[in-house]
């Protein structure tokens, strides 16, 4: 993705952004969103039409979480004010942002894939003309097991996360649900099929 996206967006942006597709990957903590995304990233290595978006988070990166860019709270706020993010949100006491050049990628016919909060889906639906929402799920038992294995939260915090995950529901023709309770290859191949369809749609949009 190009660094000049900020300048281009200021000059030419009209909403909703079209031509490409934004694939929003959502789901409760422990469902394995990053695992499924990582599978697809390896599956489509070298595929130039796909952009796997690297998030910016106000949390240090570690082996138990995704590989992301880190900013302190003050630096994140400054970057947000400077227009460095296409979209940002708060969750679990942290701030999350997607770089502004995501807009350039979608506007130029690419398929951008990002792990986002379910709470920002309405904003994404307004921002991108072509949105595919992929909800990664797993059984409550699997979710609890995976969250406990991370060792980042107490049992009470894990239970609170599980309770919150059941309070948010998604619906609409743009939503695909994938159960990731089993082998990652099963969920990974289903996700890969979603990305193939998104690339095919993007190719078609470029010809219209």
N, C-alpha and C. Protein backbone atom coordinates (compact mmCIF):
# COMPACT_ATOMS: atom_id res chain seq x y z
N UNK A 1 0.84 -1.19 0.00
CA UNK A 1 0.00 0.00 0.00
C UNK A 1 0.88 1.25 0.00
N UNK A 2 0.35 2.37 -0.48
CA UNK A 2 1.18 3.53 -0.75
C UNK A 2 1.11 4.56 0.37
N UNK A 3 2.27 5.19 0.65
CA UNK A 3 2.35 6.19 1.70
C UNK A 3 1.59 7.45 1.31
N UNK A 4 1.43 7.69 0.00
CA UNK A 4 0.77 8.91 -0.48
C UNK A 4 -0.74 8.87 -0.32
N UNK A 5 -1.27 7.85 0.33
CA UNK A 5 -2.73 7.71 0.43
C UNK A 5 -3.37 8.89 1.13
N UNK A 6 -2.73 9.45 2.15
CA UNK A 6 -3.31 10.58 2.88
C UNK A 6 -3.56 11.75 1.95
N UNK A 7 -2.55 12.09 1.14
CA UNK A 7 -2.69 13.22 0.23
C UNK A 7 -3.77 12.95 -0.80
N UNK A 8 -3.74 11.75 -1.39
CA UNK A 8 -4.74 11.40 -2.40
C UNK A 8 -6.14 11.43 -1.83
N UNK A 9 -6.30 10.95 -0.58
CA UNK A 9 -7.63 10.92 0.02
C UNK A 9 -8.16 12.33 0.23
N UNK A 10 -7.29 13.25 0.67
CA UNK A 10 -7.72 14.62 0.91
C UNK A 10 -8.19 15.29 -0.38
N UNK A 11 -7.58 14.89 -1.51
CA UNK A 11 -7.90 15.54 -2.77
C UNK A 11 -9.10 14.93 -3.47
N UNK A 12 -9.29 13.62 -3.35
CA UNK A 12 -10.25 12.95 -4.21
C UNK A 12 -11.31 12.12 -3.49
N UNK A 13 -11.24 12.02 -2.17
CA UNK A 13 -12.13 11.07 -1.49
C UNK A 13 -13.61 11.41 -1.64
N UNK A 14 -14.36 10.45 -2.04
CA UNK A 14 -15.82 10.51 -1.98
C UNK A 14 -16.28 9.20 -1.36
N UNK A 15 -17.26 9.31 -0.51
CA UNK A 15 -17.78 8.12 0.17
C UNK A 15 -19.11 7.72 -0.44
N UNK A 16 -19.42 6.43 -0.51
CA UNK A 16 -18.55 5.33 -0.10
C UNK A 16 -17.43 5.05 -1.11
N UNK A 17 -16.33 4.53 -0.60
CA UNK A 17 -15.19 4.16 -1.43
C UNK A 17 -15.53 2.86 -2.14
N UNK A 18 -15.23 2.79 -3.44
CA UNK A 18 -15.66 1.62 -4.22
C UNK A 18 -14.52 1.05 -5.05
N UNK A 19 -14.85 0.21 -6.00
CA UNK A 19 -13.95 -0.52 -6.92
C UNK A 19 -13.41 -1.80 -6.29
N UNK A 20 -12.79 -1.72 -5.11
CA UNK A 20 -12.30 -2.92 -4.45
C UNK A 20 -13.28 -3.38 -3.38
N UNK A 21 -12.80 -4.25 -2.50
CA UNK A 21 -13.64 -4.82 -1.45
C UNK A 21 -12.90 -4.74 -0.12
N UNK A 22 -13.62 -4.35 0.92
CA UNK A 22 -13.08 -4.39 2.28
C UNK A 22 -13.65 -5.64 2.96
N UNK A 23 -12.78 -6.52 3.43
CA UNK A 23 -13.20 -7.73 4.14
C UNK A 23 -12.94 -7.52 5.63
N UNK A 24 -14.03 -7.39 6.38
CA UNK A 24 -13.94 -7.15 7.82
C UNK A 24 -14.07 -8.48 8.56
N UNK A 25 -13.01 -8.86 9.25
CA UNK A 25 -13.01 -10.11 10.02
C UNK A 25 -13.34 -9.77 11.47
N UNK A 26 -14.41 -10.36 11.97
CA UNK A 26 -14.87 -10.05 13.33
C UNK A 26 -15.12 -11.35 14.09
N UNK A 27 -15.38 -11.20 15.38
CA UNK A 27 -15.69 -12.36 16.20
C UNK A 27 -15.15 -12.18 17.60
N UNK A 28 -15.58 -13.00 18.53
CA UNK A 28 -15.16 -12.88 19.92
C UNK A 28 -13.69 -13.23 20.11
N UNK A 29 -13.11 -12.71 21.17
CA UNK A 29 -11.74 -13.07 21.52
C UNK A 29 -11.65 -14.58 21.74
N UNK A 30 -10.62 -15.18 21.18
CA UNK A 30 -10.45 -16.63 21.32
C UNK A 30 -11.02 -17.42 20.16
N UNK A 31 -11.74 -16.76 19.25
CA UNK A 31 -12.32 -17.48 18.12
C UNK A 31 -11.26 -17.87 17.10
N UNK A 32 -10.12 -17.19 17.12
CA UNK A 32 -9.06 -17.54 16.19
C UNK A 32 -9.05 -16.70 14.93
N UNK A 33 -9.40 -15.43 15.04
CA UNK A 33 -9.42 -14.56 13.86
C UNK A 33 -8.04 -14.43 13.23
N UNK A 34 -7.03 -14.17 14.07
CA UNK A 34 -5.68 -14.01 13.54
C UNK A 34 -5.16 -15.31 12.95
N UNK A 35 -5.55 -16.43 13.52
CA UNK A 35 -5.14 -17.73 12.98
C UNK A 35 -5.70 -17.95 11.58
N UNK A 36 -6.97 -17.63 11.41
CA UNK A 36 -7.62 -17.80 10.10
C UNK A 36 -7.03 -16.82 9.08
N UNK A 37 -6.80 -15.59 9.51
CA UNK A 37 -6.20 -14.60 8.62
C UNK A 37 -4.79 -15.05 8.23
N UNK A 38 -4.03 -15.55 9.21
CA UNK A 38 -2.68 -16.03 8.93
C UNK A 38 -2.66 -17.18 7.94
N UNK A 39 -3.64 -18.06 8.05
CA UNK A 39 -3.76 -19.18 7.11
C UNK A 39 -3.96 -18.65 5.69
N UNK A 40 -4.87 -17.68 5.56
CA UNK A 40 -5.14 -17.12 4.23
C UNK A 40 -3.94 -16.36 3.69
N UNK A 41 -3.23 -15.68 4.57
CA UNK A 41 -2.05 -14.92 4.14
C UNK A 41 -1.01 -15.86 3.54
N UNK A 42 -0.82 -17.01 4.17
CA UNK A 42 0.12 -18.00 3.63
C UNK A 42 -0.43 -18.64 2.36
N UNK A 43 -1.73 -18.87 2.35
CA UNK A 43 -2.39 -19.53 1.21
C UNK A 43 -2.29 -18.68 -0.06
N UNK A 44 -2.35 -17.35 0.11
CA UNK A 44 -2.33 -16.44 -1.03
C UNK A 44 -1.03 -15.64 -1.10
N UNK A 45 0.04 -16.22 -0.63
CA UNK A 45 1.34 -15.53 -0.68
C UNK A 45 1.65 -15.13 -2.13
N UNK A 46 1.98 -13.86 -2.31
CA UNK A 46 2.29 -13.39 -3.65
C UNK A 46 1.11 -12.85 -4.42
N UNK A 47 -0.09 -12.95 -3.85
CA UNK A 47 -1.29 -12.45 -4.52
C UNK A 47 -1.38 -10.93 -4.31
N UNK A 48 -1.10 -10.17 -5.37
CA UNK A 48 -1.01 -8.72 -5.25
C UNK A 48 -2.36 -8.03 -5.07
N UNK A 49 -3.44 -8.73 -5.36
CA UNK A 49 -4.76 -8.10 -5.21
C UNK A 49 -5.22 -8.06 -3.76
N UNK A 50 -4.55 -8.82 -2.89
CA UNK A 50 -4.93 -8.89 -1.49
C UNK A 50 -4.02 -8.02 -0.64
N UNK A 51 -4.62 -7.24 0.26
CA UNK A 51 -3.87 -6.42 1.22
C UNK A 51 -4.29 -6.86 2.62
N UNK A 52 -3.37 -7.48 3.35
CA UNK A 52 -3.65 -7.86 4.73
C UNK A 52 -3.20 -6.71 5.63
N UNK A 53 -4.17 -6.04 6.21
CA UNK A 53 -3.92 -4.77 6.91
C UNK A 53 -3.27 -5.00 8.27
N UNK A 54 -2.20 -4.29 8.51
CA UNK A 54 -1.50 -4.35 9.80
C UNK A 54 -2.08 -3.27 10.71
N UNK A 55 -2.65 -3.66 11.83
CA UNK A 55 -3.31 -2.72 12.72
C UNK A 55 -2.29 -1.97 13.58
N UNK A 56 -2.73 -0.81 14.07
CA UNK A 56 -1.98 -0.05 15.06
C UNK A 56 -2.76 -0.13 16.37
N UNK A 57 -2.10 -0.54 17.45
CA UNK A 57 -2.77 -0.76 18.74
C UNK A 57 -1.94 -0.14 19.85
N UNK A 58 -2.61 0.37 20.86
CA UNK A 58 -1.90 0.93 22.02
C UNK A 58 -1.57 -0.18 23.02
N UNK A 59 -0.94 -1.23 22.50
CA UNK A 59 -0.51 -2.37 23.32
C UNK A 59 0.75 -2.94 22.70
N UNK A 60 1.77 -3.24 23.50
CA UNK A 60 2.98 -3.84 22.94
C UNK A 60 2.66 -5.18 22.28
N UNK A 61 3.36 -5.49 21.21
CA UNK A 61 3.19 -6.77 20.54
C UNK A 61 3.89 -7.86 21.34
N UNK A 62 3.28 -9.04 21.41
CA UNK A 62 3.90 -10.17 22.09
C UNK A 62 3.55 -11.46 21.37
N UNK A 63 4.15 -12.56 21.79
CA UNK A 63 3.96 -13.83 21.10
C UNK A 63 2.55 -14.37 21.21
N UNK A 64 1.78 -13.86 22.17
CA UNK A 64 0.42 -14.35 22.38
C UNK A 64 -0.62 -13.55 21.60
N UNK A 65 -0.19 -12.51 20.90
CA UNK A 65 -1.13 -11.67 20.15
C UNK A 65 -0.64 -11.50 18.73
N UNK A 66 -1.43 -10.83 17.92
CA UNK A 66 -1.06 -10.61 16.53
C UNK A 66 0.17 -9.72 16.43
N UNK A 67 0.84 -9.79 15.31
CA UNK A 67 1.95 -8.90 15.01
C UNK A 67 1.38 -7.58 14.53
N UNK A 68 1.51 -6.54 15.34
CA UNK A 68 0.91 -5.26 15.00
C UNK A 68 1.89 -4.13 15.29
N UNK A 69 1.56 -2.94 14.82
CA UNK A 69 2.35 -1.76 15.15
C UNK A 69 1.83 -1.18 16.46
N UNK A 70 2.73 -0.63 17.25
CA UNK A 70 2.36 -0.14 18.57
C UNK A 70 2.60 1.36 18.69
N UNK A 71 1.63 2.06 19.27
CA UNK A 71 1.78 3.47 19.61
C UNK A 71 1.31 3.68 21.05
N UNK A 72 1.97 4.56 21.76
CA UNK A 72 1.50 4.96 23.08
C UNK A 72 0.22 5.77 22.90
N UNK A 73 -0.55 5.92 23.97
CA UNK A 73 -1.84 6.61 23.88
C UNK A 73 -1.71 8.00 23.29
N UNK A 74 -0.74 8.77 23.75
CA UNK A 74 -0.59 10.14 23.28
C UNK A 74 -0.20 10.17 21.80
N UNK A 75 0.69 9.28 21.41
CA UNK A 75 1.11 9.22 20.01
C UNK A 75 -0.03 8.78 19.11
N UNK A 76 -0.86 7.87 19.60
CA UNK A 76 -2.01 7.41 18.83
C UNK A 76 -2.97 8.58 18.61
N UNK A 77 -3.26 9.34 19.67
CA UNK A 77 -4.17 10.48 19.56
C UNK A 77 -3.64 11.51 18.58
N UNK A 78 -2.33 11.72 18.60
CA UNK A 78 -1.72 12.67 17.67
C UNK A 78 -1.84 12.18 16.23
N UNK A 79 -1.59 10.88 16.03
CA UNK A 79 -1.70 10.31 14.70
C UNK A 79 -3.14 10.39 14.19
N UNK A 80 -4.09 10.13 15.07
CA UNK A 80 -5.50 10.21 14.68
C UNK A 80 -5.85 11.63 14.26
N UNK A 81 -5.39 12.61 15.02
CA UNK A 81 -5.67 14.01 14.69
C UNK A 81 -5.05 14.42 13.36
N UNK A 82 -3.93 13.78 13.02
CA UNK A 82 -3.24 14.09 11.76
C UNK A 82 -3.82 13.34 10.56
N UNK A 83 -4.87 12.52 10.80
CA UNK A 83 -5.50 11.79 9.71
C UNK A 83 -4.77 10.54 9.28
N UNK A 84 -4.02 9.93 10.20
CA UNK A 84 -3.22 8.76 9.86
C UNK A 84 -4.04 7.49 9.74
N UNK A 85 -5.30 7.51 10.19
CA UNK A 85 -6.11 6.30 10.21
C UNK A 85 -7.34 6.44 9.32
N UNK A 86 -7.67 5.36 8.62
CA UNK A 86 -8.93 5.31 7.88
C UNK A 86 -10.08 5.17 8.86
N UNK A 87 -9.86 4.38 9.91
CA UNK A 87 -10.88 4.18 10.93
C UNK A 87 -10.18 3.75 12.21
N UNK A 88 -10.74 4.13 13.35
CA UNK A 88 -10.18 3.69 14.62
C UNK A 88 -11.32 3.48 15.62
N UNK A 89 -11.02 2.72 16.69
CA UNK A 89 -12.03 2.40 17.68
C UNK A 89 -11.37 2.05 19.00
N UNK A 90 -12.19 2.02 20.05
CA UNK A 90 -11.72 1.65 21.39
C UNK A 90 -12.33 0.30 21.77
N UNK A 91 -11.52 -0.54 22.42
CA UNK A 91 -12.02 -1.83 22.91
C UNK A 91 -11.08 -2.36 23.98
N UNK A 92 -11.67 -2.86 25.07
CA UNK A 92 -10.91 -3.50 26.14
C UNK A 92 -9.83 -2.59 26.71
N UNK A 93 -10.14 -1.28 26.78
CA UNK A 93 -9.18 -0.34 27.34
C UNK A 93 -8.04 0.03 26.42
N UNK A 94 -8.11 -0.36 25.14
CA UNK A 94 -7.06 -0.08 24.17
C UNK A 94 -7.64 0.70 23.00
N UNK A 95 -6.76 1.31 22.21
CA UNK A 95 -7.16 1.99 20.99
C UNK A 95 -6.61 1.23 19.80
N UNK A 96 -7.42 1.13 18.76
CA UNK A 96 -7.07 0.39 17.56
C UNK A 96 -7.25 1.31 16.34
N UNK A 97 -6.38 1.17 15.35
CA UNK A 97 -6.51 1.95 14.14
C UNK A 97 -6.07 1.19 12.91
N UNK A 98 -6.70 1.49 11.77
CA UNK A 98 -6.29 0.95 10.47
C UNK A 98 -5.66 2.09 9.68
N UNK A 99 -4.47 1.89 9.13
CA UNK A 99 -3.78 2.97 8.39
C UNK A 99 -4.64 3.55 7.27
N UNK A 100 -4.45 4.84 7.01
CA UNK A 100 -5.26 5.54 6.02
C UNK A 100 -5.10 4.98 4.62
N UNK A 101 -3.96 4.33 4.33
CA UNK A 101 -3.77 3.84 2.96
C UNK A 101 -4.64 2.64 2.63
N UNK A 102 -5.41 2.14 3.61
CA UNK A 102 -6.43 1.14 3.32
C UNK A 102 -7.43 1.69 2.29
N UNK A 103 -7.75 2.97 2.44
CA UNK A 103 -8.69 3.60 1.52
C UNK A 103 -8.15 3.59 0.09
N UNK A 104 -6.85 3.86 -0.03
CA UNK A 104 -6.23 3.85 -1.37
C UNK A 104 -6.33 2.45 -1.97
N UNK A 105 -6.07 1.43 -1.16
CA UNK A 105 -6.10 0.05 -1.66
C UNK A 105 -7.48 -0.30 -2.20
N UNK A 106 -8.52 0.00 -1.43
CA UNK A 106 -9.89 -0.34 -1.85
C UNK A 106 -10.29 0.50 -3.07
N UNK A 107 -9.96 1.79 -3.05
CA UNK A 107 -10.32 2.66 -4.17
C UNK A 107 -9.65 2.22 -5.46
N UNK A 108 -8.52 1.52 -5.35
CA UNK A 108 -7.79 1.09 -6.54
C UNK A 108 -7.99 -0.39 -6.85
N UNK A 109 -9.12 -0.95 -6.39
CA UNK A 109 -9.52 -2.28 -6.81
C UNK A 109 -8.93 -3.43 -6.05
N UNK A 110 -8.25 -3.17 -4.93
CA UNK A 110 -7.69 -4.25 -4.13
C UNK A 110 -8.72 -4.78 -3.13
N UNK A 111 -8.40 -5.92 -2.55
CA UNK A 111 -9.21 -6.49 -1.47
C UNK A 111 -8.42 -6.32 -0.18
N UNK A 112 -8.93 -5.48 0.72
CA UNK A 112 -8.27 -5.21 2.00
C UNK A 112 -8.90 -6.09 3.08
N UNK A 113 -8.06 -6.80 3.82
CA UNK A 113 -8.53 -7.73 4.86
C UNK A 113 -8.06 -7.22 6.21
N UNK A 114 -8.98 -7.05 7.15
CA UNK A 114 -8.59 -6.52 8.46
C UNK A 114 -9.43 -7.12 9.57
N UNK A 115 -8.80 -7.32 10.69
CA UNK A 115 -9.44 -7.76 11.93
C UNK A 115 -9.99 -6.52 12.62
N UNK A 116 -11.30 -6.42 12.75
CA UNK A 116 -11.91 -5.23 13.33
C UNK A 116 -12.93 -5.61 14.41
N UNK A 117 -13.39 -4.58 15.12
CA UNK A 117 -14.43 -4.78 16.13
C UNK A 117 -15.80 -4.84 15.46
N UNK A 118 -16.66 -5.67 15.99
CA UNK A 118 -18.02 -5.74 15.45
C UNK A 118 -18.75 -4.41 15.60
N UNK A 119 -18.34 -3.60 16.56
CA UNK A 119 -19.01 -2.32 16.80
C UNK A 119 -18.82 -1.33 15.66
N UNK A 120 -17.78 -1.51 14.83
CA UNK A 120 -17.52 -0.54 13.76
C UNK A 120 -18.11 -0.98 12.42
N UNK A 121 -18.81 -2.09 12.38
CA UNK A 121 -19.40 -2.55 11.12
C UNK A 121 -20.33 -1.50 10.51
N UNK A 122 -21.21 -0.83 11.28
CA UNK A 122 -22.06 0.20 10.66
C UNK A 122 -21.23 1.31 9.99
N UNK A 123 -20.12 1.69 10.60
CA UNK A 123 -19.25 2.72 10.02
C UNK A 123 -18.62 2.21 8.72
N UNK A 124 -18.18 0.96 8.74
CA UNK A 124 -17.57 0.38 7.54
C UNK A 124 -18.58 0.26 6.41
N UNK A 125 -19.82 -0.04 6.74
CA UNK A 125 -20.85 -0.15 5.71
C UNK A 125 -21.11 1.19 5.04
N UNK A 126 -20.91 2.27 5.76
CA UNK A 126 -21.07 3.60 5.17
C UNK A 126 -19.83 4.00 4.38
N UNK A 127 -18.67 3.54 4.83
CA UNK A 127 -17.41 3.99 4.24
C UNK A 127 -17.06 3.26 2.94
N UNK A 128 -17.36 1.95 2.87
CA UNK A 128 -16.97 1.15 1.72
C UNK A 128 -18.20 0.60 1.00
N UNK A 129 -18.24 0.83 -0.31
CA UNK A 129 -19.40 0.39 -1.09
C UNK A 129 -19.50 -1.13 -1.12
N UNK A 130 -18.36 -1.80 -1.12
CA UNK A 130 -18.33 -3.26 -1.19
C UNK A 130 -17.68 -3.82 0.07
N UNK A 131 -18.52 -4.27 0.99
CA UNK A 131 -18.04 -4.78 2.28
C UNK A 131 -18.46 -6.24 2.44
N UNK A 132 -17.50 -7.06 2.83
CA UNK A 132 -17.80 -8.45 3.19
C UNK A 132 -17.43 -8.63 4.65
N UNK A 133 -18.39 -9.04 5.47
CA UNK A 133 -18.15 -9.26 6.88
C UNK A 133 -18.01 -10.76 7.13
N UNK A 134 -16.89 -11.17 7.71
CA UNK A 134 -16.66 -12.57 8.01
C UNK A 134 -16.59 -12.72 9.53
N UNK A 135 -17.57 -13.40 10.08
CA UNK A 135 -17.63 -13.59 11.53
C UNK A 135 -17.04 -14.96 11.87
N UNK A 136 -15.92 -14.93 12.58
CA UNK A 136 -15.27 -16.16 13.03
C UNK A 136 -15.83 -16.52 14.41
N UNK A 137 -16.33 -17.74 14.55
CA UNK A 137 -16.94 -18.16 15.81
C UNK A 137 -16.28 -19.45 16.31
N UNK A 138 -16.63 -19.82 17.53
CA UNK A 138 -16.20 -21.09 18.12
C UNK A 138 -17.13 -21.38 19.28
N UNK A 139 -17.16 -22.60 19.73
CA UNK A 139 -18.03 -22.96 20.85
C UNK A 139 -17.56 -22.25 22.12
N UNK A 140 -18.47 -22.00 23.06
CA UNK A 140 -18.08 -21.35 24.31
C UNK A 140 -16.94 -22.06 25.03
N UNK A 141 -16.95 -23.39 24.98
CA UNK A 141 -15.89 -24.16 25.65
C UNK A 141 -14.53 -23.89 25.01
N UNK A 142 -14.50 -23.85 23.69
CA UNK A 142 -13.26 -23.57 22.98
C UNK A 142 -12.78 -22.15 23.25
N UNK A 143 -13.72 -21.20 23.25
CA UNK A 143 -13.35 -19.81 23.52
C UNK A 143 -12.71 -19.69 24.90
N UNK A 144 -13.35 -20.30 25.90
CA UNK A 144 -12.84 -20.22 27.28
C UNK A 144 -11.45 -20.84 27.36
N UNK A 145 -11.26 -21.97 26.70
CA UNK A 145 -9.98 -22.66 26.73
C UNK A 145 -8.87 -21.82 26.10
N UNK A 146 -9.17 -21.21 24.97
CA UNK A 146 -8.16 -20.40 24.27
C UNK A 146 -7.83 -19.14 25.05
N UNK A 147 -8.85 -18.49 25.62
CA UNK A 147 -8.60 -17.28 26.40
C UNK A 147 -7.76 -17.58 27.63
N UNK A 148 -8.06 -18.68 28.29
CA UNK A 148 -7.29 -19.07 29.48
C UNK A 148 -5.84 -19.37 29.12
N UNK A 149 -5.63 -19.96 27.94
CA UNK A 149 -4.27 -20.32 27.51
C UNK A 149 -3.40 -19.09 27.26
N UNK A 150 -4.03 -17.97 26.95
CA UNK A 150 -3.26 -16.75 26.71
C UNK A 150 -2.57 -16.26 27.99
N UNK A 151 -3.24 -16.46 29.11
CA UNK A 151 -2.67 -16.06 30.39
C UNK A 151 -2.62 -14.57 30.62
N UNK A 152 -3.37 -13.80 29.83
CA UNK A 152 -3.35 -12.34 29.98
C UNK A 152 -4.43 -11.84 30.91
N UNK A 153 -5.43 -12.68 31.21
CA UNK A 153 -6.58 -12.21 31.99
C UNK A 153 -6.91 -13.21 33.09
N UNK A 154 -7.57 -12.69 34.13
CA UNK A 154 -8.03 -13.55 35.21
C UNK A 154 -9.26 -14.32 34.75
N UNK A 155 -9.67 -15.31 35.53
CA UNK A 155 -10.86 -16.09 35.18
C UNK A 155 -12.09 -15.19 35.08
N UNK A 156 -12.19 -14.23 35.99
CA UNK A 156 -13.33 -13.31 35.94
C UNK A 156 -13.34 -12.47 34.69
N UNK A 157 -12.17 -12.02 34.25
CA UNK A 157 -12.08 -11.23 33.02
C UNK A 157 -12.42 -12.07 31.80
N UNK A 158 -11.99 -13.33 31.82
CA UNK A 158 -12.33 -14.24 30.72
C UNK A 158 -13.84 -14.42 30.63
N UNK A 159 -14.48 -14.66 31.77
CA UNK A 159 -15.93 -14.84 31.79
C UNK A 159 -16.65 -13.58 31.31
N UNK A 160 -16.11 -12.42 31.68
CA UNK A 160 -16.72 -11.16 31.25
C UNK A 160 -16.62 -11.01 29.73
N UNK A 161 -15.48 -11.40 29.16
CA UNK A 161 -15.32 -11.34 27.71
C UNK A 161 -16.33 -12.26 27.02
N UNK A 162 -16.48 -13.46 27.55
CA UNK A 162 -17.42 -14.41 26.95
C UNK A 162 -18.85 -13.88 27.02
N UNK A 163 -19.20 -13.23 28.12
CA UNK A 163 -20.54 -12.67 28.27
C UNK A 163 -20.77 -11.56 27.25
N UNK A 164 -19.75 -10.72 27.03
CA UNK A 164 -19.88 -9.63 26.06
C UNK A 164 -20.02 -10.18 24.65
N UNK A 165 -19.33 -11.27 24.37
CA UNK A 165 -19.34 -11.81 23.01
C UNK A 165 -20.71 -12.31 22.61
N UNK A 166 -21.51 -12.74 23.57
CA UNK A 166 -22.84 -13.25 23.26
C UNK A 166 -23.88 -12.13 23.15
N UNK A 167 -23.47 -10.90 23.52
CA UNK A 167 -24.42 -9.79 23.51
C UNK A 167 -24.43 -9.04 22.19
N UNK A 168 -23.52 -9.39 21.28
CA UNK A 168 -23.42 -8.71 19.99
C UNK A 168 -23.80 -9.68 18.88
N UNK A 169 -24.77 -9.30 18.07
CA UNK A 169 -25.17 -10.15 16.95
C UNK A 169 -25.04 -9.37 15.65
N UNK A 170 -24.72 -10.08 14.59
CA UNK A 170 -24.58 -9.48 13.27
C UNK A 170 -25.56 -10.15 12.31
N UNK A 171 -26.08 -9.38 11.40
CA UNK A 171 -26.97 -9.94 10.39
C UNK A 171 -26.84 -9.12 9.12
N UNK A 172 -27.28 -9.70 8.03
CA UNK A 172 -27.26 -9.00 6.76
C UNK A 172 -26.69 -9.88 5.67
N UNK A 173 -26.98 -9.56 4.42
CA UNK A 173 -26.50 -10.37 3.31
C UNK A 173 -24.99 -10.33 3.12
N UNK A 174 -24.33 -9.35 3.76
CA UNK A 174 -22.88 -9.25 3.61
C UNK A 174 -22.12 -10.02 4.69
N UNK A 175 -22.83 -10.78 5.54
CA UNK A 175 -22.21 -11.48 6.66
C UNK A 175 -22.07 -12.98 6.36
N UNK A 176 -20.86 -13.51 6.54
CA UNK A 176 -20.58 -14.94 6.42
C UNK A 176 -20.04 -15.42 7.76
N UNK A 177 -20.63 -16.45 8.34
CA UNK A 177 -20.16 -17.00 9.61
C UNK A 177 -19.34 -18.27 9.36
N UNK A 178 -18.19 -18.34 10.03
CA UNK A 178 -17.30 -19.50 9.89
C UNK A 178 -16.98 -20.03 11.28
N UNK A 179 -17.28 -21.30 11.52
CA UNK A 179 -16.98 -21.93 12.81
C UNK A 179 -15.53 -22.41 12.81
N UNK A 180 -14.76 -21.89 13.77
CA UNK A 180 -13.35 -22.25 13.87
C UNK A 180 -13.09 -23.08 15.13
N UNK A 181 -14.03 -23.94 15.48
CA UNK A 181 -13.86 -24.79 16.66
C UNK A 181 -12.92 -25.96 16.40
N UNK A 182 -12.77 -26.33 15.12
CA UNK A 182 -11.96 -27.50 14.77
C UNK A 182 -10.62 -27.14 14.20
N UNK A 183 -10.15 -27.96 13.26
CA UNK A 183 -8.85 -27.75 12.62
C UNK A 183 -8.84 -26.43 11.85
N UNK A 184 -7.75 -25.71 11.94
CA UNK A 184 -7.70 -24.38 11.31
C UNK A 184 -7.82 -24.47 9.80
N UNK A 185 -7.43 -25.61 9.21
CA UNK A 185 -7.53 -25.75 7.76
C UNK A 185 -8.97 -25.68 7.28
N UNK A 186 -9.90 -26.18 8.10
CA UNK A 186 -11.31 -26.18 7.70
C UNK A 186 -11.82 -24.76 7.61
N UNK A 187 -11.64 -24.00 8.70
CA UNK A 187 -12.07 -22.60 8.70
C UNK A 187 -11.24 -21.78 7.71
N UNK A 188 -9.95 -22.10 7.61
CA UNK A 188 -9.07 -21.37 6.71
C UNK A 188 -9.49 -21.49 5.26
N UNK A 189 -9.92 -22.67 4.84
CA UNK A 189 -10.35 -22.86 3.45
C UNK A 189 -11.68 -22.17 3.17
N UNK A 190 -12.55 -22.15 4.16
CA UNK A 190 -13.81 -21.41 3.98
C UNK A 190 -13.54 -19.91 3.83
N UNK A 191 -12.60 -19.41 4.62
CA UNK A 191 -12.23 -18.00 4.53
C UNK A 191 -11.56 -17.71 3.20
N UNK A 192 -10.72 -18.64 2.75
CA UNK A 192 -10.05 -18.47 1.46
C UNK A 192 -11.07 -18.35 0.33
N UNK A 193 -12.16 -19.10 0.43
CA UNK A 193 -13.19 -19.03 -0.60
C UNK A 193 -13.87 -17.66 -0.61
N UNK A 194 -14.07 -17.08 0.58
CA UNK A 194 -14.63 -15.73 0.66
C UNK A 194 -13.70 -14.74 -0.05
N UNK A 195 -12.40 -14.88 0.17
CA UNK A 195 -11.44 -13.97 -0.44
C UNK A 195 -11.39 -14.15 -1.96
N UNK A 196 -11.51 -15.39 -2.43
CA UNK A 196 -11.55 -15.62 -3.88
C UNK A 196 -12.74 -14.90 -4.50
N UNK A 197 -13.90 -14.99 -3.86
CA UNK A 197 -15.09 -14.32 -4.37
C UNK A 197 -14.92 -12.81 -4.34
N UNK A 198 -14.27 -12.29 -3.28
CA UNK A 198 -14.04 -10.85 -3.19
C UNK A 198 -13.11 -10.38 -4.31
N UNK A 199 -12.07 -11.16 -4.60
CA UNK A 199 -11.16 -10.79 -5.69
C UNK A 199 -11.87 -10.84 -7.04
N UNK A 200 -12.72 -11.83 -7.23
CA UNK A 200 -13.47 -11.94 -8.49
C UNK A 200 -14.42 -10.76 -8.64
N UNK A 201 -15.06 -10.36 -7.55
CA UNK A 201 -15.97 -9.22 -7.58
C UNK A 201 -15.19 -7.95 -7.90
N UNK A 202 -14.02 -7.79 -7.28
CA UNK A 202 -13.19 -6.63 -7.52
C UNK A 202 -12.75 -6.55 -8.97
N UNK A 203 -12.38 -7.70 -9.54
CA UNK A 203 -11.98 -7.74 -10.95
C UNK A 203 -13.13 -7.29 -11.85
N UNK A 204 -14.34 -7.73 -11.52
CA UNK A 204 -15.52 -7.37 -12.29
C UNK A 204 -15.80 -5.88 -12.18
N UNK A 205 -15.65 -5.33 -10.97
CA UNK A 205 -15.91 -3.90 -10.74
C UNK A 205 -14.97 -3.04 -11.57
N UNK A 206 -13.72 -3.49 -11.74
CA UNK A 206 -12.75 -2.73 -12.53
C UNK A 206 -13.14 -2.64 -14.00
N UNK A 207 -13.98 -3.57 -14.45
CA UNK A 207 -14.35 -3.60 -15.87
C UNK A 207 -15.62 -2.80 -16.16
N UNK A 208 -16.29 -2.38 -15.09
CA UNK A 208 -17.56 -1.65 -15.28
C UNK A 208 -17.30 -0.16 -15.49
